[in-house]
Amino acid sequence: MFEKGDHIVYGNNGVCVVEEITRMQMKGIDCDKLYYRLTSVTNPGSKFFSPVDNDKVVMRRTMTKDEAEELIKGLPGLSPLPVPEDKFREELYKDVIRSCDPEKAFRIILTLYRKKMERFKQGKKNTSIDERYFKQIENNLYSELAFALGRDRSEINDYIKEKIG
């Protein structure tokens, strides 16, 4: 269980702070059930309520600075994730997003970047699905890295390039 003030990754909503742990006083809601009241760190106007025992949305502690740096340091050794044919590709992207797994996110980013470069060499544009999920996965991951490293989101791409050469 998280405590008030903890920073967590809350599914596709990114880094949130646990503002309080409370019971909901609403008709039709079990008044004994505990909920987290969460506020998005990247979009402070976004607030969420999630049951403490929620098993449908991934909630985990954010990476520490050391974990973020270790993840970045290991990037050169990561292999791309094999992307299935078009029919199943979008489901893979959604699974990676739902998992909130930073290593899988980096592997998909690597995969999609390489795929984009191959298409570019062939004189083709990136597919809209690949582009949309690339941006979404990159934004989710880079926002958490920015938080963990105490940096601005806009600095993360250059920071990663600097660290891995």
N, C-alpha and C. Protein backbone atom coordinates (compact mmCIF):
# COMPACT_ATOMS: atom_id res chain seq x y z
N MET A 1 0.84 -1.18 0.00
CA MET A 1 0.00 0.00 0.00
C MET A 1 0.88 1.24 0.00
N PHE A 2 0.48 2.23 -0.75
CA PHE A 2 1.23 3.48 -0.82
C PHE A 2 0.76 4.39 0.32
N GLU A 3 1.60 5.38 0.60
CA GLU A 3 1.29 6.34 1.66
C GLU A 3 1.06 7.72 1.05
N LYS A 4 0.41 8.57 1.81
CA LYS A 4 0.20 9.94 1.39
C LYS A 4 1.56 10.58 1.09
N GLY A 5 1.66 11.22 -0.08
CA GLY A 5 2.90 11.87 -0.48
C GLY A 5 3.78 11.03 -1.38
N ASP A 6 3.48 9.72 -1.49
CA ASP A 6 4.26 8.85 -2.38
C ASP A 6 4.03 9.24 -3.84
N HIS A 7 5.06 9.09 -4.64
CA HIS A 7 4.96 9.29 -6.08
C HIS A 7 4.91 7.92 -6.73
N ILE A 8 3.88 7.74 -7.57
CA ILE A 8 3.68 6.45 -8.21
C ILE A 8 3.43 6.65 -9.70
N VAL A 9 3.61 5.57 -10.44
CA VAL A 9 3.17 5.53 -11.83
C VAL A 9 1.79 4.89 -11.78
N TYR A 10 0.82 5.61 -12.33
CA TYR A 10 -0.56 5.12 -12.31
C TYR A 10 -0.99 4.85 -13.74
N GLY A 11 -0.79 3.61 -14.18
CA GLY A 11 -1.19 3.19 -15.52
C GLY A 11 -0.69 4.14 -16.58
N ASN A 12 -1.55 4.44 -17.52
CA ASN A 12 -1.21 5.31 -18.64
C ASN A 12 -1.24 6.79 -18.26
N ASN A 13 -1.56 7.08 -17.00
CA ASN A 13 -1.64 8.47 -16.55
C ASN A 13 -0.30 9.02 -16.08
N GLY A 14 0.69 8.17 -16.05
CA GLY A 14 2.04 8.62 -15.70
C GLY A 14 2.25 8.82 -14.22
N VAL A 15 3.18 9.70 -13.91
CA VAL A 15 3.58 9.94 -12.53
C VAL A 15 2.50 10.76 -11.81
N CYS A 16 2.08 10.23 -10.67
CA CYS A 16 1.08 10.89 -9.84
C CYS A 16 1.57 10.91 -8.40
N VAL A 17 1.04 11.84 -7.64
CA VAL A 17 1.32 11.87 -6.22
C VAL A 17 0.05 11.42 -5.49
N VAL A 18 0.25 10.61 -4.44
CA VAL A 18 -0.87 10.18 -3.61
C VAL A 18 -1.20 11.35 -2.68
N GLU A 19 -2.32 12.00 -2.95
CA GLU A 19 -2.73 13.16 -2.14
C GLU A 19 -3.33 12.72 -0.81
N GLU A 20 -4.13 11.66 -0.87
CA GLU A 20 -4.70 11.13 0.36
C GLU A 20 -5.25 9.73 0.11
N ILE A 21 -5.50 9.03 1.20
CA ILE A 21 -6.16 7.73 1.16
C ILE A 21 -7.47 7.94 1.91
N THR A 22 -8.57 7.70 1.20
CA THR A 22 -9.86 8.09 1.74
C THR A 22 -10.95 7.09 1.39
N ARG A 23 -12.08 7.28 1.99
CA ARG A 23 -13.27 6.52 1.64
C ARG A 23 -14.16 7.44 0.80
N MET A 24 -14.86 6.85 -0.15
CA MET A 24 -15.75 7.63 -1.01
C MET A 24 -17.12 7.74 -0.34
N GLN A 25 -17.63 8.92 -0.32
CA GLN A 25 -18.95 9.16 0.24
C GLN A 25 -19.93 9.42 -0.90
N MET A 26 -20.15 8.38 -1.71
CA MET A 26 -21.03 8.50 -2.85
C MET A 26 -22.04 7.37 -2.84
N LYS A 27 -23.21 7.69 -3.34
CA LYS A 27 -24.27 6.70 -3.41
C LYS A 27 -23.83 5.56 -4.34
N GLY A 28 -24.05 4.32 -3.91
CA GLY A 28 -23.72 3.16 -4.72
C GLY A 28 -22.28 2.69 -4.58
N ILE A 29 -21.49 3.38 -3.77
CA ILE A 29 -20.08 3.02 -3.56
C ILE A 29 -19.95 2.47 -2.14
N ASP A 30 -19.23 1.38 -2.01
CA ASP A 30 -18.98 0.78 -0.70
C ASP A 30 -18.22 1.79 0.17
N CYS A 31 -18.86 2.25 1.23
CA CYS A 31 -18.25 3.29 2.06
C CYS A 31 -17.09 2.78 2.91
N ASP A 32 -16.86 1.48 2.95
CA ASP A 32 -15.73 0.93 3.69
C ASP A 32 -14.48 0.77 2.83
N LYS A 33 -14.65 0.89 1.52
CA LYS A 33 -13.54 0.68 0.59
C LYS A 33 -12.62 1.91 0.57
N LEU A 34 -11.30 1.64 0.60
CA LEU A 34 -10.32 2.74 0.57
C LEU A 34 -9.92 3.06 -0.86
N TYR A 35 -9.70 4.35 -1.10
CA TYR A 35 -9.29 4.86 -2.41
C TYR A 35 -8.09 5.77 -2.26
N TYR A 36 -7.23 5.74 -3.28
CA TYR A 36 -6.19 6.75 -3.39
C TYR A 36 -6.78 7.94 -4.14
N ARG A 37 -6.50 9.12 -3.67
CA ARG A 37 -6.79 10.33 -4.46
C ARG A 37 -5.44 10.76 -5.02
N LEU A 38 -5.33 10.70 -6.34
CA LEU A 38 -4.07 10.94 -7.03
C LEU A 38 -4.15 12.22 -7.85
N THR A 39 -3.01 12.91 -7.93
CA THR A 39 -2.89 14.09 -8.79
C THR A 39 -1.71 13.86 -9.71
N SER A 40 -1.95 14.11 -11.00
CA SER A 40 -0.88 13.96 -11.99
C SER A 40 0.21 14.98 -11.74
N VAL A 41 1.46 14.54 -11.81
CA VAL A 41 2.60 15.45 -11.64
C VAL A 41 2.80 16.29 -12.89
N THR A 42 2.60 15.69 -14.07
CA THR A 42 2.83 16.42 -15.32
C THR A 42 1.64 17.28 -15.72
N ASN A 43 0.47 16.96 -15.19
CA ASN A 43 -0.73 17.73 -15.49
C ASN A 43 -1.52 17.90 -14.19
N PRO A 44 -1.10 18.85 -13.34
CA PRO A 44 -1.68 18.98 -11.99
C PRO A 44 -3.20 19.14 -11.94
N GLY A 45 -3.82 19.50 -13.05
CA GLY A 45 -5.28 19.61 -13.08
C GLY A 45 -5.97 18.26 -13.16
N SER A 46 -5.21 17.20 -13.46
CA SER A 46 -5.79 15.87 -13.58
C SER A 46 -5.73 15.15 -12.24
N LYS A 47 -6.91 14.76 -11.77
CA LYS A 47 -7.01 14.06 -10.50
C LYS A 47 -7.74 12.74 -10.74
N PHE A 48 -7.37 11.73 -9.97
CA PHE A 48 -7.93 10.40 -10.14
C PHE A 48 -8.23 9.80 -8.78
N PHE A 49 -9.24 8.97 -8.75
CA PHE A 49 -9.52 8.13 -7.59
C PHE A 49 -9.33 6.69 -8.04
N SER A 50 -8.61 5.93 -7.26
CA SER A 50 -8.39 4.53 -7.59
C SER A 50 -8.50 3.69 -6.32
N PRO A 51 -9.22 2.60 -6.39
CA PRO A 51 -9.28 1.73 -5.21
C PRO A 51 -7.87 1.27 -4.81
N VAL A 52 -7.64 1.22 -3.54
CA VAL A 52 -6.34 0.78 -3.03
C VAL A 52 -6.03 -0.62 -3.52
N ASP A 53 -7.05 -1.45 -3.64
CA ASP A 53 -6.84 -2.84 -4.07
C ASP A 53 -7.05 -3.02 -5.58
N ASN A 54 -6.92 -1.96 -6.33
CA ASN A 54 -7.12 -1.99 -7.79
C ASN A 54 -6.14 -2.98 -8.43
N ASP A 55 -6.68 -3.94 -9.17
CA ASP A 55 -5.81 -4.88 -9.87
C ASP A 55 -5.99 -4.77 -11.39
N LYS A 56 -6.70 -3.74 -11.83
CA LYS A 56 -6.92 -3.56 -13.26
C LYS A 56 -5.93 -2.57 -13.89
N VAL A 57 -5.44 -1.65 -13.09
CA VAL A 57 -4.49 -0.64 -13.57
C VAL A 57 -3.20 -0.81 -12.78
N VAL A 58 -2.08 -0.82 -13.49
CA VAL A 58 -0.78 -0.96 -12.82
C VAL A 58 -0.50 0.30 -12.00
N MET A 59 -0.15 0.09 -10.76
CA MET A 59 0.32 1.16 -9.88
C MET A 59 1.62 0.67 -9.27
N ARG A 60 2.66 1.46 -9.47
CA ARG A 60 3.95 1.09 -8.90
C ARG A 60 4.70 2.36 -8.50
N ARG A 61 5.66 2.19 -7.62
CA ARG A 61 6.48 3.34 -7.24
C ARG A 61 7.28 3.81 -8.46
N THR A 62 7.55 5.09 -8.50
CA THR A 62 8.37 5.61 -9.59
C THR A 62 9.80 5.12 -9.41
N MET A 63 10.52 5.14 -10.51
CA MET A 63 11.94 4.78 -10.44
C MET A 63 12.67 5.78 -9.56
N THR A 64 13.71 5.29 -8.90
CA THR A 64 14.61 6.19 -8.19
C THR A 64 15.60 6.75 -9.21
N LYS A 65 16.35 7.73 -8.79
CA LYS A 65 17.37 8.29 -9.68
C LYS A 65 18.37 7.21 -10.09
N ASP A 66 18.81 6.39 -9.13
CA ASP A 66 19.76 5.32 -9.43
C ASP A 66 19.17 4.31 -10.41
N GLU A 67 17.91 3.95 -10.22
CA GLU A 67 17.26 3.00 -11.14
C GLU A 67 17.15 3.58 -12.55
N ALA A 68 16.81 4.86 -12.64
CA ALA A 68 16.70 5.51 -13.94
C ALA A 68 18.06 5.55 -14.65
N GLU A 69 19.10 5.90 -13.91
CA GLU A 69 20.44 5.94 -14.51
C GLU A 69 20.91 4.56 -14.92
N GLU A 70 20.59 3.55 -14.12
CA GLU A 70 20.96 2.17 -14.45
C GLU A 70 20.23 1.70 -15.71
N LEU A 71 18.96 2.05 -15.82
CA LEU A 71 18.18 1.70 -17.01
C LEU A 71 18.80 2.34 -18.26
N ILE A 72 19.13 3.60 -18.17
CA ILE A 72 19.73 4.31 -19.31
C ILE A 72 21.10 3.71 -19.65
N LYS A 73 21.87 3.40 -18.63
CA LYS A 73 23.19 2.81 -18.85
C LYS A 73 23.09 1.48 -19.59
N GLY A 74 22.01 0.74 -19.37
CA GLY A 74 21.83 -0.57 -20.00
C GLY A 74 21.22 -0.51 -21.40
N LEU A 75 20.89 0.66 -21.87
CA LEU A 75 20.24 0.78 -23.18
C LEU A 75 21.03 0.16 -24.33
N PRO A 76 22.33 0.37 -24.41
CA PRO A 76 23.05 -0.21 -25.56
C PRO A 76 22.93 -1.74 -25.65
N GLY A 77 22.65 -2.40 -24.54
CA GLY A 77 22.52 -3.86 -24.56
C GLY A 77 21.11 -4.36 -24.81
N LEU A 78 20.16 -3.45 -24.91
CA LEU A 78 18.78 -3.87 -25.13
C LEU A 78 18.56 -4.29 -26.57
N SER A 79 17.75 -5.31 -26.73
CA SER A 79 17.37 -5.74 -28.08
C SER A 79 15.96 -5.25 -28.37
N PRO A 80 15.69 -4.98 -29.64
CA PRO A 80 14.34 -4.54 -29.98
C PRO A 80 13.33 -5.65 -29.70
N LEU A 81 12.09 -5.27 -29.47
CA LEU A 81 11.02 -6.26 -29.32
C LEU A 81 10.54 -6.64 -30.71
N PRO A 82 10.38 -7.91 -30.98
CA PRO A 82 9.84 -8.29 -32.28
C PRO A 82 8.40 -7.79 -32.40
N VAL A 83 8.12 -7.09 -33.48
CA VAL A 83 6.78 -6.54 -33.71
C VAL A 83 6.04 -7.46 -34.67
N PRO A 84 4.89 -7.95 -34.25
CA PRO A 84 4.12 -8.84 -35.13
C PRO A 84 3.54 -8.09 -36.33
N GLU A 85 2.93 -8.84 -37.20
CA GLU A 85 2.28 -8.24 -38.36
C GLU A 85 1.23 -7.22 -37.92
N ASP A 86 0.82 -6.42 -38.86
CA ASP A 86 -0.08 -5.30 -38.58
C ASP A 86 -1.26 -5.66 -37.70
N LYS A 87 -1.85 -6.80 -37.92
CA LYS A 87 -3.05 -7.19 -37.21
C LYS A 87 -2.86 -7.22 -35.68
N PHE A 88 -1.67 -7.60 -35.21
CA PHE A 88 -1.43 -7.76 -33.78
C PHE A 88 -0.51 -6.68 -33.20
N ARG A 89 0.00 -5.82 -34.05
CA ARG A 89 0.98 -4.81 -33.63
C ARG A 89 0.40 -3.86 -32.59
N GLU A 90 -0.79 -3.35 -32.85
CA GLU A 90 -1.38 -2.38 -31.93
C GLU A 90 -1.61 -3.00 -30.55
N GLU A 91 -1.98 -4.26 -30.51
CA GLU A 91 -2.20 -4.93 -29.23
C GLU A 91 -0.89 -5.02 -28.43
N LEU A 92 0.22 -5.28 -29.12
CA LEU A 92 1.52 -5.30 -28.45
C LEU A 92 1.82 -3.94 -27.84
N TYR A 93 1.61 -2.88 -28.60
CA TYR A 93 1.87 -1.53 -28.08
C TYR A 93 1.01 -1.24 -26.85
N LYS A 94 -0.25 -1.62 -26.91
CA LYS A 94 -1.15 -1.40 -25.77
C LYS A 94 -0.69 -2.20 -24.55
N ASP A 95 -0.24 -3.43 -24.78
CA ASP A 95 0.27 -4.26 -23.68
C ASP A 95 1.48 -3.62 -23.01
N VAL A 96 2.38 -3.06 -23.81
CA VAL A 96 3.56 -2.40 -23.26
C VAL A 96 3.14 -1.19 -22.44
N ILE A 97 2.21 -0.42 -22.94
CA ILE A 97 1.72 0.76 -22.21
C ILE A 97 1.07 0.34 -20.90
N ARG A 98 0.21 -0.66 -20.95
CA ARG A 98 -0.49 -1.13 -19.74
C ARG A 98 0.48 -1.72 -18.71
N SER A 99 1.57 -2.30 -19.17
CA SER A 99 2.52 -2.94 -18.24
C SER A 99 3.29 -1.94 -17.41
N CYS A 100 3.44 -0.71 -17.90
CA CYS A 100 4.22 0.32 -17.21
C CYS A 100 5.65 -0.17 -16.93
N ASP A 101 6.17 -1.01 -17.80
CA ASP A 101 7.51 -1.58 -17.65
C ASP A 101 8.50 -0.72 -18.43
N PRO A 102 9.39 0.00 -17.74
CA PRO A 102 10.31 0.90 -18.43
C PRO A 102 11.22 0.21 -19.44
N GLU A 103 11.68 -1.00 -19.13
CA GLU A 103 12.57 -1.69 -20.08
C GLU A 103 11.81 -2.07 -21.35
N LYS A 104 10.61 -2.58 -21.20
CA LYS A 104 9.80 -2.90 -22.39
C LYS A 104 9.52 -1.63 -23.20
N ALA A 105 9.27 -0.54 -22.51
CA ALA A 105 9.00 0.72 -23.20
C ALA A 105 10.22 1.13 -24.03
N PHE A 106 11.40 1.03 -23.44
CA PHE A 106 12.62 1.37 -24.20
C PHE A 106 12.81 0.43 -25.39
N ARG A 107 12.50 -0.84 -25.19
CA ARG A 107 12.65 -1.79 -26.29
C ARG A 107 11.70 -1.48 -27.45
N ILE A 108 10.48 -1.07 -27.12
CA ILE A 108 9.53 -0.68 -28.17
C ILE A 108 9.98 0.61 -28.84
N ILE A 109 10.47 1.56 -28.07
CA ILE A 109 10.98 2.81 -28.65
C ILE A 109 12.11 2.49 -29.62
N LEU A 110 13.02 1.62 -29.21
CA LEU A 110 14.13 1.22 -30.08
C LEU A 110 13.59 0.55 -31.35
N THR A 111 12.65 -0.34 -31.18
CA THR A 111 12.06 -1.05 -32.31
C THR A 111 11.40 -0.08 -33.29
N LEU A 112 10.58 0.80 -32.76
CA LEU A 112 9.85 1.73 -33.61
C LEU A 112 10.77 2.75 -34.27
N TYR A 113 11.82 3.14 -33.57
CA TYR A 113 12.78 4.07 -34.16
C TYR A 113 13.49 3.41 -35.35
N ARG A 114 13.94 2.18 -35.16
CA ARG A 114 14.61 1.46 -36.26
C ARG A 114 13.66 1.24 -37.43
N LYS A 115 12.43 0.90 -37.13
CA LYS A 115 11.44 0.69 -38.18
C LYS A 115 11.19 2.00 -38.94
N LYS A 116 11.14 3.08 -38.22
CA LYS A 116 10.93 4.40 -38.83
C LYS A 116 12.08 4.74 -39.77
N MET A 117 13.31 4.46 -39.34
CA MET A 117 14.48 4.75 -40.16
C MET A 117 14.50 3.89 -41.43
N GLU A 118 14.10 2.63 -41.29
CA GLU A 118 14.02 1.74 -42.47
C GLU A 118 13.01 2.28 -43.48
N ARG A 119 11.86 2.69 -43.00
CA ARG A 119 10.83 3.24 -43.89
C ARG A 119 11.32 4.54 -44.54
N PHE A 120 12.02 5.34 -43.77
CA PHE A 120 12.55 6.61 -44.29
C PHE A 120 13.52 6.35 -45.44
N LYS A 121 14.39 5.35 -45.26
CA LYS A 121 15.35 4.99 -46.32
C LYS A 121 14.64 4.52 -47.59
N GLN A 122 13.45 3.94 -47.42
CA GLN A 122 12.67 3.47 -48.56
C GLN A 122 11.79 4.59 -49.15
N GLY A 123 11.92 5.78 -48.59
CA GLY A 123 11.12 6.91 -49.07
C GLY A 123 9.69 6.89 -48.57
N LYS A 124 9.45 6.16 -47.48
CA LYS A 124 8.10 6.04 -46.94
C LYS A 124 8.00 6.77 -45.61
N LYS A 125 6.78 7.19 -45.29
CA LYS A 125 6.51 7.79 -43.99
C LYS A 125 6.26 6.68 -42.98
N ASN A 126 6.39 7.04 -41.72
CA ASN A 126 6.05 6.13 -40.65
C ASN A 126 4.53 5.94 -40.65
N THR A 127 4.07 4.76 -40.24
CA THR A 127 2.62 4.55 -40.19
C THR A 127 2.05 5.38 -39.03
N SER A 128 0.80 5.76 -39.16
CA SER A 128 0.18 6.59 -38.12
C SER A 128 0.08 5.84 -36.80
N ILE A 129 -0.19 4.54 -36.85
CA ILE A 129 -0.27 3.75 -35.61
C ILE A 129 1.10 3.72 -34.92
N ASP A 130 2.14 3.42 -35.68
CA ASP A 130 3.49 3.39 -35.10
C ASP A 130 3.86 4.75 -34.52
N GLU A 131 3.57 5.81 -35.24
CA GLU A 131 3.91 7.15 -34.78
C GLU A 131 3.16 7.52 -33.50
N ARG A 132 1.87 7.21 -33.48
CA ARG A 132 1.05 7.54 -32.31
C ARG A 132 1.55 6.80 -31.06
N TYR A 133 1.80 5.51 -31.20
CA TYR A 133 2.24 4.74 -30.03
C TYR A 133 3.68 5.07 -29.65
N PHE A 134 4.52 5.37 -30.62
CA PHE A 134 5.89 5.79 -30.32
C PHE A 134 5.84 7.03 -29.42
N LYS A 135 5.05 8.02 -29.81
CA LYS A 135 4.97 9.26 -29.03
C LYS A 135 4.39 9.01 -27.64
N GLN A 136 3.35 8.19 -27.57
CA GLN A 136 2.72 7.91 -26.28
C GLN A 136 3.66 7.16 -25.34
N ILE A 137 4.30 6.12 -25.84
CA ILE A 137 5.21 5.34 -25.00
C ILE A 137 6.41 6.19 -24.59
N GLU A 138 6.96 6.93 -25.53
CA GLU A 138 8.10 7.80 -25.23
C GLU A 138 7.70 8.84 -24.18
N ASN A 139 6.55 9.46 -24.33
CA ASN A 139 6.13 10.48 -23.37
C ASN A 139 5.95 9.90 -21.97
N ASN A 140 5.29 8.75 -21.88
CA ASN A 140 5.11 8.13 -20.57
C ASN A 140 6.45 7.81 -19.90
N LEU A 141 7.34 7.19 -20.65
CA LEU A 141 8.63 6.80 -20.10
C LEU A 141 9.50 8.01 -19.78
N TYR A 142 9.60 8.93 -20.71
CA TYR A 142 10.47 10.10 -20.51
C TYR A 142 9.96 11.00 -19.38
N SER A 143 8.65 11.05 -19.18
CA SER A 143 8.11 11.83 -18.07
C SER A 143 8.54 11.23 -16.73
N GLU A 144 8.51 9.90 -16.65
CA GLU A 144 8.96 9.26 -15.41
C GLU A 144 10.46 9.44 -15.22
N LEU A 145 11.22 9.30 -16.30
CA LEU A 145 12.66 9.52 -16.19
C LEU A 145 12.97 10.94 -15.75
N ALA A 146 12.26 11.90 -16.31
CA ALA A 146 12.46 13.31 -15.94
C ALA A 146 12.19 13.50 -14.45
N PHE A 147 11.12 12.90 -13.97
CA PHE A 147 10.80 13.00 -12.54
C PHE A 147 11.90 12.37 -11.70
N ALA A 148 12.30 11.15 -12.05
CA ALA A 148 13.30 10.43 -11.27
C ALA A 148 14.66 11.14 -11.27
N LEU A 149 15.00 11.74 -12.39
CA LEU A 149 16.31 12.39 -12.53
C LEU A 149 16.29 13.85 -12.11
N GLY A 150 15.12 14.37 -11.77
CA GLY A 150 15.01 15.77 -11.38
C GLY A 150 15.29 16.72 -12.53
N ARG A 151 14.88 16.33 -13.72
CA ARG A 151 15.12 17.13 -14.93
C ARG A 151 13.79 17.48 -15.58
N ASP A 152 13.87 18.39 -16.52
CA ASP A 152 12.71 18.74 -17.32
C ASP A 152 12.51 17.67 -18.39
N ARG A 153 11.27 17.38 -18.73
CA ARG A 153 10.96 16.37 -19.74
C ARG A 153 11.67 16.66 -21.06
N SER A 154 11.80 17.93 -21.42
CA SER A 154 12.42 18.31 -22.69
C SER A 154 13.91 18.00 -22.75
N GLU A 155 14.53 17.74 -21.62
CA GLU A 155 15.98 17.46 -21.56
C GLU A 155 16.32 15.98 -21.69
N ILE A 156 15.33 15.11 -21.57
CA ILE A 156 15.60 13.68 -21.42
C ILE A 156 16.23 13.06 -22.66
N ASN A 157 15.75 13.39 -23.83
CA ASN A 157 16.32 12.81 -25.05
C ASN A 157 17.82 13.13 -25.14
N ASP A 158 18.19 14.37 -24.93
CA ASP A 158 19.61 14.76 -24.97
C ASP A 158 20.39 14.11 -23.83
N TYR A 159 19.77 14.00 -22.66
CA TYR A 159 20.43 13.36 -21.52
C TYR A 159 20.77 11.90 -21.84
N ILE A 160 19.81 11.21 -22.45
CA ILE A 160 20.04 9.80 -22.81
C ILE A 160 21.17 9.70 -23.84
N LYS A 161 21.13 10.54 -24.86
CA LYS A 161 22.18 10.53 -25.89
C LYS A 161 23.54 10.79 -25.26
N GLU A 162 23.61 11.72 -24.33
CA GLU A 162 24.87 12.05 -23.67
C GLU A 162 25.40 10.88 -22.87
N LYS A 163 24.50 10.19 -22.16
CA LYS A 163 24.90 9.09 -21.29
C LYS A 163 25.34 7.85 -22.04
N ILE A 164 24.73 7.58 -23.19
CA ILE A 164 25.08 6.35 -23.90
C ILE A 164 25.99 6.60 -25.10
N GLY A 165 26.32 7.86 -25.33
CA GLY A 165 27.26 8.20 -26.41
C GLY A 165 26.61 8.21 -27.72
